[in-house]
Structure formats: structure tokens, C-alpha cells
Amino acid sequence: MLGNGTKRGIMTSDAHPARLLDLTRLISRAGRTVTGVDRVERAYLDALMQDDVPLWGLIKTPLGFLLLDEAGLRQLSERFDGKISWGRAAKVMRLASRLDARHLGALADARKLAKARCTRRRLATMLKAHLPTRTTYLNTGHSNYSDAVVHGVRAIDGARIAVFVHDTIPLDHASYQTPEAVERFRDFLKRVSATADLVIYNSAATRATTESYFAEYARTPKSVVAHLGVDLPVPDASQLPKGMPPMQPYFVCVGTLEPRKNHSMLLKIWERLEKQTPPQDMPELLFCGRRGWMNEEFFFKFDNSRLKGVSVHELGGLSDEAIAALLEGAAGVLFPSLVEGYGLPVMEAAAKGVPVICPELPVYREVLKDIPVYASVNDSYLWIRRIMALSESKQTGREASSKPFKAPTWAAHFNLVLSEI
């Protein structure tokens, strides 16, 4: 990810004298393990702070909105980096709000750093008072893109709106979401169709599915496809829990434990392996990710499996550096996802040269081409064969290596995107 420091001007234009980045989602993740979408929003914060175009930040709170200038954003960034500890919310706010304490504490800090703040109804007045004409508003987190925000931004003469659409999973696979989440996302996508000047996509695959919905809605806005940059953290095995990594050959599956990630398939494969594999040849499986929602059936089976803590391990809350250390010694990485918007963990593993087994999803084929071993999630026999072949190679010292993968970079991403905004 891009670091802080002197601005270096990736690509700028006099046509857009200021940018307004919505940080509502990122502030809600303060003190938590970040997700892929969070990483993208943070990458935008870092990159835009280094660019020559002045940057402002917008944050929604239970009381209205906060507006931060670059000085405030830099201090906020230091808190995300852990250089400064987050504060604590006042007791009255903790009692009056349904938000968790970490979120409220981060909002309290942002409020202190804000250049201006306002109620919901005064957003247009606040933005017009502080931002120049032709400001570009960016929403990269699928959060806070409301009618109120659109109205407030459009009050600025010549303002433009750019929105990042990461995927359309809530509509394509509604069974993985609550009905409320599906409706919320449908409203978001309709609003993007009707009001955005530019839509940013992480892949051509995401653009194709999104624009199929836009064809049913108001309009299809102008767009740009820019693959996400792949970060490679410095491995740090000292951050791993005791007993990790395993002595036996092991495989890693990185990602939130939610239904679409298909962890249940891997658990079934390991249960089959345990019945047919001698103990000395039995590989181990590491689930690296926090528990998500609507996955109670899998959690029940896993928590009651005799393999839990023996040959299948759950490692939640690991740092990026700890996961990088696990990847270095892994026989392979397994990603049996049923659907993905982009799949950053897959890209990161491939960039490190670790063998990857995954289904042939459109985004994997687009970005990774023939790098992974593709295997249908309906062919568990093929998965077992590939897993055991990689395990044997690791055990005998004849490790398989992945084909060279030139990973997308954030510099290339922002050269594309910032030329448009």
C-alpha cells in the first residue's frame, strides 16, 4: 500500500481542483481486522494524500457529517497505522448509540480532527462553504451513498461523483445475504446508475455483471476498469500463535468464514483424507479468517468435528505479516469460493509463488490467467488428488512452484483512475 509523505502527483488535472473521499466505512472498521473493501478505501486515502490535488474527507456520524482537511486526514491515517491510539467515546454516546465502542471512539477522534461538522440537513451548506467548484466526490466503500450525500455534493457547482463498485454478489447470490442487505445493495446500485458520473471497477468481470443491472435501471454511467494492487507484507513468524506453522505439510485458506467462501467443502475433503491417509502423511489445513454471518451450519459441524485443532485449525485475527509467514511455508493455498468480486488473497498468494487451487471464476481467469490449478467445486476427487500431490512434494522436498505472476500494482491502478477524476 502507498505510504504517507511528500506528495508525488500520480496524475492530476486542473479540471478537478479538489477531491472529497468518503471514509464512512473505513472509520467504522477502526480497531478491527480489515476486509478487502477496507483495504481499497485505505489505499485510496494513502494515494490521494500524496497527489497534488487537495483532498478532503467526509464521514457520516449518528449526529450528521464531519468534514476533514488534509491535516486532519493525516492524523486519522496515523491512527489507522497504529502510530496513535484511538480515543474513547463519551459514556453518554456509548449509552445512546447502537454502534460499538471502537466505532464510537474513532468517531470521537474524527470529530476532534474535523475542520467542520453539520447536521444531515446542512450538508450542502457545509460543503459549499469549504470546497471549490468542480470538486470530485469519491465513494469507494459501498457505504453512505445516500440521497442526502448526492444532494449535498451536487450543491457544489460543477461537482462530479465517482463510485467504486466491488461486486454484485448481494444480487447475484441473494441466498448469502439477509433480505435487508439485498434490498440495501439494490438501492445503492440504482442510485449509482442514476447519479454517478464515473463508476470504477476492479475487473471487467465486475463491470459486466454490474452493467447488466444498469441496463434495467436508469442509465449506464461512464466507467473505468482498474485491477487492484497486490500488497506483499513482510513475513513475521513471531506474530503466529504457539504451534504454528505445523510440522506437517499444510495448506492455507484465507478469508472470512462465510457461506460463499465454501469452507464446508474443504472440511469434507479433510474428513475424507483422514479416513484414507496414514497419520504420518496427513496434511493440515489452516482457516485464516474471522467468523462471518449466516454460516451457523458450518460452524456447528466444524466445532463438533474431531479434526478441529488436530489437522484442521481456525486462526482468526491474524495480522497480514503473520499470514505472509504462513504462506511462505505452505504446500499450497486453497480457495474453493463459489463467487468472488476480486479475490485479493488469491492474488497475494500467486504473487508469492505459492501453488493455488481454485475454481475457474471469471475474475480469476481475467487476472491470473493460467497461473492457478483450476478445479471445479463439484469435483472433490480432483481437489484431493491435487492436494495430496502438493503435500507429497512438500514432504519430500520436491516442492511445486507456481508459474511467475506479475501482480497488478496500485501505481498502475491509480494512473488509470486518477486520469479520470
Protein backbone atom coordinates (compact mmCIF):
# COMPACT_ATOMS: atom_id res chain seq x y z
CA MET A 1 0.00 0.00 0.00
CA LEU A 2 1.16 3.51 -0.69
CA GLY A 3 2.86 5.25 2.22
CA ASN A 4 2.46 8.74 3.61
CA GLY A 5 4.90 11.52 2.90
CA THR A 6 5.58 14.23 0.37
CA LYS A 7 3.05 14.43 -2.41
CA ARG A 8 4.32 12.96 -5.62
CA GLY A 9 1.45 13.70 -8.03
CA ILE A 10 0.49 10.40 -9.65
CA MET A 11 -1.66 12.07 -12.30
CA THR A 12 -3.56 15.26 -11.76
CA SER A 13 -5.74 17.61 -13.70
CA ASP A 14 -6.62 21.28 -13.33
CA ALA A 15 -10.19 20.31 -14.20
CA HIS A 16 -10.67 18.86 -10.71
CA PRO A 17 -9.30 21.28 -8.11
CA ALA A 18 -10.27 19.15 -5.08
CA ARG A 19 -11.37 15.65 -4.15
CA LEU A 20 -13.71 14.56 -1.38
CA LEU A 21 -13.16 10.97 -0.20
CA ASP A 22 -15.92 9.28 1.78
CA LEU A 23 -14.36 7.49 4.77
CA THR A 24 -17.56 6.37 6.49
CA ARG A 25 -16.87 2.69 6.02
CA LEU A 26 -13.19 2.84 6.94
CA ILE A 27 -13.83 4.69 10.21
CA SER A 28 -16.36 2.00 11.15
CA ARG A 29 -13.58 -0.60 10.90
CA ALA A 30 -11.24 1.12 13.37
CA GLY A 31 -9.56 -1.44 15.61
CA ARG A 32 -10.89 -4.39 13.62
CA THR A 33 -9.38 -6.83 11.14
CA VAL A 34 -9.76 -5.14 7.76
CA THR A 35 -11.56 -6.68 4.79
CA GLY A 36 -10.76 -6.40 1.10
CA VAL A 37 -13.05 -3.41 0.62
CA ASP A 38 -11.48 -1.71 3.65
CA ARG A 39 -8.04 -2.17 2.11
CA VAL A 40 -9.19 -0.48 -1.08
CA GLU A 41 -10.60 2.53 0.79
CA ARG A 42 -7.35 2.81 2.75
CA ALA A 43 -5.29 2.59 -0.45
CA TYR A 44 -7.32 5.48 -1.86
CA LEU A 45 -6.71 7.54 1.27
CA ASP A 46 -2.96 6.96 1.04
CA ALA A 47 -2.74 7.67 -2.68
CA LEU A 48 -4.90 10.78 -2.68
CA MET A 49 -2.98 12.28 0.24
CA GLN A 50 0.16 12.01 -1.90
CA ASP A 51 -1.39 13.53 -5.01
CA ASP A 52 -1.20 17.24 -5.89
CA VAL A 53 -4.97 17.73 -5.90
CA PRO A 54 -6.23 18.93 -2.47
CA LEU A 55 -8.03 16.22 -0.53
CA TRP A 56 -10.91 16.36 1.93
CA GLY A 57 -12.63 13.57 3.85
CA LEU A 58 -16.33 13.07 4.58
CA ILE A 59 -17.61 10.90 7.44
CA LYS A 60 -21.21 10.21 8.44
CA THR A 61 -21.92 10.07 12.18
CA PRO A 62 -25.09 9.44 14.22
CA LEU A 63 -25.37 13.24 14.55
CA GLY A 64 -24.69 14.26 10.95
CA PHE A 65 -21.46 14.69 8.99
CA LEU A 66 -17.80 15.56 9.59
CA LEU A 67 -15.51 17.27 7.07
CA LEU A 68 -11.75 16.76 7.46
CA ASP A 69 -9.00 18.65 5.66
CA GLU A 70 -5.63 17.11 4.81
CA ALA A 71 -4.12 17.86 8.21
CA GLY A 72 -6.98 16.00 9.87
CA LEU A 73 -6.74 13.13 7.39
CA ARG A 74 -3.04 12.67 8.09
CA GLN A 75 -3.70 12.42 11.80
CA LEU A 76 -6.53 10.00 11.12
CA SER A 77 -4.19 7.93 8.94
CA GLU A 78 -1.68 7.72 11.80
CA ARG A 79 -4.40 6.20 13.95
CA PHE A 80 -5.20 3.61 11.29
CA ASP A 81 -1.47 2.79 11.21
CA GLY A 82 -1.40 2.32 14.97
CA LYS A 83 1.05 5.19 15.49
CA ILE A 84 -1.56 6.94 17.65
CA SER A 85 -4.11 5.09 19.77
CA TRP A 86 -7.80 5.63 19.11
CA GLY A 87 -9.65 7.60 21.75
CA ARG A 88 -12.76 6.64 23.67
CA ALA A 89 -16.29 7.87 23.14
CA ALA A 90 -18.08 9.74 25.89
CA LYS A 91 -20.18 7.50 28.10
CA VAL A 92 -23.38 9.23 27.03
CA MET A 93 -22.63 8.35 23.37
CA ARG A 94 -21.95 4.71 24.24
CA LEU A 95 -25.29 4.52 26.01
CA ALA A 96 -27.25 6.42 23.34
CA SER A 97 -25.87 4.72 20.21
CA ARG A 98 -26.12 1.19 18.89
CA LEU A 99 -22.63 1.47 17.40
CA ASP A 100 -19.87 -0.48 19.14
CA ALA A 101 -17.34 1.23 21.41
CA ARG A 102 -14.47 1.06 18.89
CA HIS A 103 -16.53 2.76 16.19
CA LEU A 104 -17.75 5.44 18.58
CA GLY A 105 -14.19 6.06 19.81
CA ALA A 106 -12.97 6.53 16.25
CA LEU A 107 -15.85 8.91 15.51
CA ALA A 108 -14.97 10.90 18.63
CA ASP A 109 -11.40 11.29 17.35
CA ALA A 110 -12.61 12.24 13.87
CA ARG A 111 -14.93 14.84 15.40
CA LYS A 112 -11.95 16.45 17.18
CA LEU A 113 -9.94 16.48 13.95
CA ALA A 114 -12.76 17.80 11.77
CA LYS A 115 -12.50 21.14 10.01
CA ALA A 116 -16.28 21.41 10.05
CA ARG A 117 -19.33 19.43 11.08
CA CYS A 118 -23.04 19.67 10.39
CA THR A 119 -26.41 18.01 10.74
CA ARG A 120 -27.79 15.94 7.88
CA ARG A 121 -29.87 18.84 6.56
CA ARG A 122 -26.90 21.23 6.50
CA LEU A 123 -24.56 19.05 4.43
CA ALA A 124 -24.94 21.08 1.22
CA THR A 125 -24.26 24.33 3.09
CA MET A 126 -21.12 22.92 4.74
CA LEU A 127 -19.69 21.51 1.52
CA LYS A 128 -20.33 24.71 -0.45
CA ALA A 129 -18.64 26.74 2.27
CA HIS A 130 -15.40 24.74 2.22
CA LEU A 131 -14.97 23.03 -1.16
CA PRO A 132 -14.19 24.65 -4.50
CA THR A 133 -16.22 24.29 -7.67
CA ARG A 134 -15.66 21.14 -9.75
CA THR A 135 -14.81 19.04 -6.67
CA THR A 136 -14.94 15.28 -7.27
CA TYR A 137 -16.59 13.13 -4.61
CA LEU A 138 -15.34 9.53 -4.34
CA ASN A 139 -17.20 6.70 -2.64
CA THR A 140 -15.11 3.52 -2.55
CA GLY A 141 -16.77 1.51 0.22
CA HIS A 142 -20.42 0.85 -0.77
CA SER A 143 -21.35 2.91 2.33
CA ASN A 144 -23.04 6.29 2.86
CA TYR A 145 -24.01 6.74 -0.79
CA SER A 146 -27.39 8.20 0.08
CA ASP A 147 -29.75 10.72 -1.49
CA ALA A 148 -28.64 13.20 1.17
CA VAL A 149 -24.99 12.83 0.17
CA VAL A 150 -25.75 13.09 -3.54
CA HIS A 151 -27.83 16.22 -2.93
CA GLY A 152 -25.11 17.74 -0.76
CA VAL A 153 -22.35 17.11 -3.30
CA ARG A 154 -24.43 18.35 -6.23
CA ALA A 155 -24.84 21.67 -4.42
CA ILE A 156 -21.19 22.34 -5.34
CA ASP A 157 -21.03 23.93 -8.79
CA GLY A 158 -19.63 21.50 -11.36
CA ALA A 159 -19.20 18.68 -8.82
CA ARG A 160 -18.60 15.16 -10.12
CA ILE A 161 -19.31 11.83 -8.45
CA ALA A 162 -17.17 8.69 -8.79
CA VAL A 163 -18.27 5.43 -7.15
CA PHE A 164 -16.35 2.17 -6.79
CA VAL A 165 -18.42 -0.98 -7.34
CA HIS A 166 -16.56 -4.01 -5.98
CA ASP A 167 -19.06 -6.74 -6.91
CA THR A 168 -22.75 -7.53 -7.31
CA ILE A 169 -22.77 -10.59 -5.05
CA PRO A 170 -25.77 -9.43 -2.97
CA LEU A 171 -27.94 -9.52 -6.09
CA ASP A 172 -26.28 -12.41 -7.92
CA HIS A 173 -26.32 -14.69 -4.87
CA ALA A 174 -29.03 -13.37 -2.59
CA SER A 175 -29.03 -16.57 -0.51
CA TYR A 176 -25.71 -15.48 1.03
CA GLN A 177 -27.27 -12.25 2.33
CA THR A 178 -30.12 -11.16 4.55
CA PRO A 179 -33.18 -9.79 2.71
CA GLU A 180 -32.39 -6.37 4.19
CA ALA A 181 -28.83 -6.45 2.83
CA VAL A 182 -30.10 -7.41 -0.63
CA GLU A 183 -32.55 -4.50 -0.72
CA ARG A 184 -29.95 -2.10 0.64
CA PHE A 185 -27.50 -3.08 -2.10
CA ARG A 186 -30.17 -2.88 -4.81
CA ASP A 187 -30.98 0.67 -3.70
CA PHE A 188 -27.26 1.51 -3.75
CA LEU A 189 -26.80 0.19 -7.29
CA LYS A 190 -29.90 2.00 -8.55
CA ARG A 191 -28.59 5.23 -7.06
CA VAL A 192 -25.20 4.69 -8.71
CA SER A 193 -26.92 4.10 -12.04
CA ALA A 194 -28.96 7.27 -11.73
CA THR A 195 -26.42 9.70 -10.26
CA ALA A 196 -22.76 8.67 -10.73
CA ASP A 197 -20.59 10.39 -13.32
CA LEU A 198 -17.99 7.62 -13.20
CA VAL A 199 -18.01 4.04 -11.94
CA ILE A 200 -14.72 2.39 -11.02
CA TYR A 201 -14.49 -1.40 -11.34
CA ASN A 202 -11.86 -3.83 -10.07
CA SER A 203 -12.28 -6.09 -13.10
CA ALA A 204 -14.02 -6.44 -16.43
CA ALA A 205 -15.99 -9.30 -14.86
CA THR A 206 -17.42 -6.95 -12.23
CA ARG A 207 -18.24 -4.35 -14.88
CA ALA A 208 -20.12 -6.91 -16.98
CA THR A 209 -22.36 -8.06 -14.12
CA THR A 210 -22.94 -4.53 -12.83
CA GLU A 211 -23.85 -3.11 -16.22
CA SER A 212 -26.33 -5.94 -16.75
CA TYR A 213 -28.23 -4.46 -13.80
CA PHE A 214 -27.72 -0.89 -15.02
CA ALA A 215 -29.45 -1.93 -18.25
CA GLU A 216 -32.57 -2.50 -16.14
CA TYR A 217 -32.18 0.72 -14.16
CA ALA A 218 -31.84 4.39 -15.08
CA ARG A 219 -28.65 4.52 -17.14
CA THR A 220 -25.14 3.13 -17.58
CA PRO A 221 -22.56 5.68 -16.38
CA LYS A 222 -19.09 6.10 -17.82
CA SER A 223 -16.64 3.59 -16.32
CA VAL A 224 -13.01 2.58 -15.88
CA VAL A 225 -11.63 -0.89 -15.09
CA ALA A 226 -8.52 -0.87 -12.90
CA HIS A 227 -7.23 -4.06 -11.29
CA LEU A 228 -6.46 -3.69 -7.58
CA GLY A 229 -2.86 -3.53 -6.49
CA VAL A 230 -1.42 -6.54 -4.66
CA ASP A 231 0.42 -5.84 -1.42
CA LEU A 232 3.08 -8.27 -0.17
CA PRO A 233 3.63 -7.71 3.58
CA VAL A 234 6.97 -8.64 5.13
CA PRO A 235 6.50 -12.08 6.78
CA ASP A 236 6.76 -12.13 10.57
CA ALA A 237 6.53 -15.60 12.13
CA SER A 238 6.87 -14.11 15.63
CA GLN A 239 3.24 -12.95 15.31
CA LEU A 240 1.96 -16.51 14.81
CA PRO A 241 0.21 -18.33 17.66
CA LYS A 242 2.02 -21.12 19.50
CA GLY A 243 2.32 -24.31 17.45
CA MET A 244 2.19 -22.52 14.13
CA PRO A 245 3.19 -23.24 11.48
CA PRO A 246 2.57 -27.02 11.69
CA MET A 247 5.39 -29.51 11.24
CA GLN A 248 3.36 -31.49 8.68
CA PRO A 249 2.78 -30.15 5.16
CA TYR A 250 -0.08 -27.67 5.43
CA PHE A 251 -2.48 -25.71 3.28
CA VAL A 252 -3.87 -22.25 3.88
CA CYS A 253 -7.33 -20.87 3.14
CA VAL A 254 -7.54 -17.10 3.70
CA GLY A 255 -10.82 -15.22 4.02
CA THR A 256 -13.82 -14.56 6.20
CA LEU A 257 -15.62 -17.76 7.19
CA GLU A 258 -18.86 -17.14 5.30
CA PRO A 259 -21.00 -19.42 3.08
CA ARG A 260 -19.79 -18.18 -0.32
CA LYS A 261 -16.18 -18.99 0.62
CA ASN A 262 -17.21 -22.67 0.72
CA HIS A 263 -15.11 -23.74 3.72
CA SER A 264 -17.54 -26.64 4.22
CA MET A 265 -16.17 -28.28 1.07
CA LEU A 266 -12.64 -28.26 2.47
CA LEU A 267 -13.80 -29.67 5.80
CA LYS A 268 -15.48 -32.56 3.96
CA ILE A 269 -12.30 -33.15 1.94
CA TRP A 270 -10.20 -33.32 5.10
CA GLU A 271 -12.67 -35.73 6.68
CA ARG A 272 -12.26 -38.00 3.64
CA LEU A 273 -8.49 -37.63 3.72
CA GLU A 274 -8.39 -38.61 7.38
CA LYS A 275 -10.11 -41.92 6.58
CA GLN A 276 -7.75 -42.87 3.77
CA THR A 277 -4.40 -41.30 4.69
CA PRO A 278 -1.78 -42.65 7.13
CA PRO A 279 -1.25 -40.24 10.06
CA GLN A 280 2.34 -39.52 9.02
CA ASP A 281 1.14 -38.40 5.57
CA MET A 282 -1.90 -36.40 6.70
CA PRO A 283 -1.62 -32.73 5.69
CA GLU A 284 -3.06 -29.95 7.83
CA LEU A 285 -5.48 -27.20 6.89
CA LEU A 286 -5.46 -23.65 8.28
CA PHE A 287 -8.58 -21.48 8.05
CA CYS A 288 -7.22 -17.92 8.35
CA GLY A 289 -10.11 -15.51 8.85
CA ARG A 290 -12.73 -14.27 11.24
CA ARG A 291 -16.18 -15.83 11.50
CA GLY A 292 -18.79 -14.16 9.31
CA TRP A 293 -22.55 -14.28 9.38
CA MET A 294 -25.21 -16.74 8.12
CA ASN A 295 -22.77 -19.65 8.44
CA GLU A 296 -24.12 -21.38 11.55
CA GLU A 297 -24.43 -24.80 9.90
CA PHE A 298 -20.73 -24.87 9.01
CA PHE A 299 -19.69 -23.54 12.43
CA PHE A 300 -21.69 -26.30 14.14
CA LYS A 301 -20.10 -29.02 12.00
CA PHE A 302 -16.62 -27.60 12.41
CA ASP A 303 -16.91 -27.04 16.16
CA ASN A 304 -18.03 -30.65 16.57
CA SER A 305 -15.52 -32.16 14.15
CA ARG A 306 -12.88 -34.48 15.56
CA LEU A 307 -10.42 -32.79 13.18
CA LYS A 308 -10.72 -29.34 14.76
CA GLY A 309 -7.41 -28.47 16.40
CA VAL A 310 -5.87 -31.72 15.12
CA SER A 311 -5.49 -31.45 11.36
CA VAL A 312 -7.85 -28.52 10.72
CA HIS A 313 -7.18 -25.25 12.56
CA GLU A 314 -9.07 -21.96 12.84
CA LEU A 315 -6.82 -18.90 13.04
CA GLY A 316 -8.86 -15.70 13.30
CA GLY A 317 -7.49 -12.20 13.66
CA LEU A 318 -4.02 -12.85 12.25
CA SER A 319 -2.02 -9.87 11.04
CA ASP A 320 -1.04 -9.55 7.39
CA GLU A 321 2.56 -10.25 8.41
CA ALA A 322 1.58 -13.47 10.20
CA ILE A 323 -0.42 -14.71 7.21
CA ALA A 324 2.52 -13.89 4.94
CA ALA A 325 4.71 -16.08 7.17
CA LEU A 326 2.25 -18.96 6.85
CA LEU A 327 2.12 -18.59 3.07
CA GLU A 328 5.92 -18.86 2.87
CA GLY A 329 5.88 -22.38 4.24
CA ALA A 330 2.60 -23.63 2.79
CA ALA A 331 2.37 -26.56 0.41
CA GLY A 332 -0.38 -24.62 -1.32
CA VAL A 333 -3.34 -22.31 -0.87
CA LEU A 334 -6.94 -23.41 -1.36
CA PHE A 335 -9.74 -21.08 -2.43
CA PRO A 336 -12.94 -23.02 -3.19
CA SER A 337 -15.08 -19.85 -3.29
CA LEU A 338 -18.38 -20.10 -5.11
CA VAL A 339 -18.21 -16.44 -6.14
CA GLU A 340 -15.70 -13.58 -5.78
CA GLY A 341 -15.67 -9.89 -6.62
CA TYR A 342 -11.87 -9.83 -6.97
CA GLY A 343 -10.17 -12.21 -4.54
CA LEU A 344 -7.16 -10.31 -3.19
CA PRO A 345 -5.88 -13.26 -1.05
CA VAL A 346 -5.67 -15.40 -4.19
CA MET A 347 -3.67 -12.70 -5.98
CA GLU A 348 -1.35 -12.27 -3.00
CA ALA A 349 -0.65 -16.00 -2.78
CA ALA A 350 0.04 -16.23 -6.50
CA ALA A 351 2.36 -13.21 -6.30
CA LYS A 352 4.39 -15.03 -3.64
CA GLY A 353 4.74 -18.06 -5.92
CA VAL A 354 2.63 -20.35 -3.73
CA PRO A 355 0.67 -23.01 -5.67
CA VAL A 356 -3.02 -22.10 -5.88
CA ILE A 357 -6.02 -24.40 -6.32
CA CYS A 358 -9.30 -22.64 -7.06
CA PRO A 359 -12.40 -22.85 -9.27
CA GLU A 360 -12.33 -21.10 -12.64
CA LEU A 361 -14.22 -17.96 -11.67
CA PRO A 362 -14.30 -15.17 -14.30
CA VAL A 363 -12.17 -12.75 -12.26
CA TYR A 364 -9.51 -15.40 -11.58
CA ARG A 365 -9.25 -16.22 -15.28
CA GLU A 366 -9.13 -12.49 -16.14
CA VAL A 367 -6.35 -11.52 -13.73
CA LEU A 368 -4.46 -14.76 -13.04
CA LYS A 369 -4.95 -16.40 -16.45
CA ASP A 370 -3.32 -19.88 -16.32
CA ILE A 371 -1.41 -19.41 -13.04
CA PRO A 372 -3.68 -21.44 -10.70
CA VAL A 373 -4.67 -25.07 -10.87
CA TYR A 374 -8.37 -24.77 -11.70
CA ALA A 375 -10.68 -27.37 -10.20
CA SER A 376 -14.47 -27.46 -10.14
CA VAL A 377 -16.04 -27.31 -6.70
CA ASN A 378 -18.16 -30.26 -7.87
CA ASP A 379 -15.07 -32.46 -8.34
CA SER A 380 -13.79 -33.19 -4.83
CA TYR A 381 -11.79 -36.15 -6.18
CA LEU A 382 -9.69 -33.77 -8.31
CA TRP A 383 -9.16 -31.49 -5.32
CA ILE A 384 -7.95 -34.44 -3.23
CA ARG A 385 -5.54 -35.57 -5.95
CA ARG A 386 -4.08 -32.07 -6.31
CA ILE A 387 -3.83 -31.54 -2.55
CA MET A 388 -2.07 -34.83 -1.93
CA ALA A 389 0.31 -34.27 -4.84
CA LEU A 390 1.35 -30.90 -3.42
CA SER A 391 1.59 -32.38 0.08
CA GLU A 392 3.87 -35.18 -1.11
CA SER A 393 6.06 -32.71 -2.98
CA LYS A 394 6.41 -30.62 0.16
CA GLN A 395 7.17 -33.65 2.33
CA THR A 396 9.85 -34.99 0.01
CA GLY A 397 11.45 -31.61 -0.61
CA ARG A 398 10.43 -31.56 -4.27
CA GLU A 399 8.17 -28.55 -3.82
CA ALA A 400 5.97 -27.46 -6.67
CA SER A 401 6.33 -23.83 -7.64
CA SER A 402 3.70 -21.69 -9.25
CA LYS A 403 4.25 -20.03 -12.61
CA PRO A 404 5.61 -16.45 -12.38
CA PHE A 405 2.81 -13.96 -11.79
CA LYS A 406 3.29 -10.26 -12.41
CA ALA A 407 0.82 -8.87 -9.91
CA PRO A 408 -1.16 -5.69 -10.58
CA THR A 409 0.20 -2.62 -8.79
CA TRP A 410 -1.51 0.25 -7.02
CA ALA A 411 0.55 2.69 -9.09
CA ALA A 412 -0.99 1.30 -12.29
CA HIS A 413 -4.44 1.33 -10.70
CA PHE A 414 -4.23 4.99 -9.72
CA ASN A 415 -2.65 6.08 -13.00
CA LEU A 416 -5.83 4.81 -14.65
CA VAL A 417 -8.33 6.08 -12.12
CA LEU A 418 -6.85 9.50 -11.35
CA SER A 419 -6.66 10.34 -15.03
CA GLU A 420 -10.46 10.19 -14.94
CA ILE A 421 -11.08 12.09 -11.70
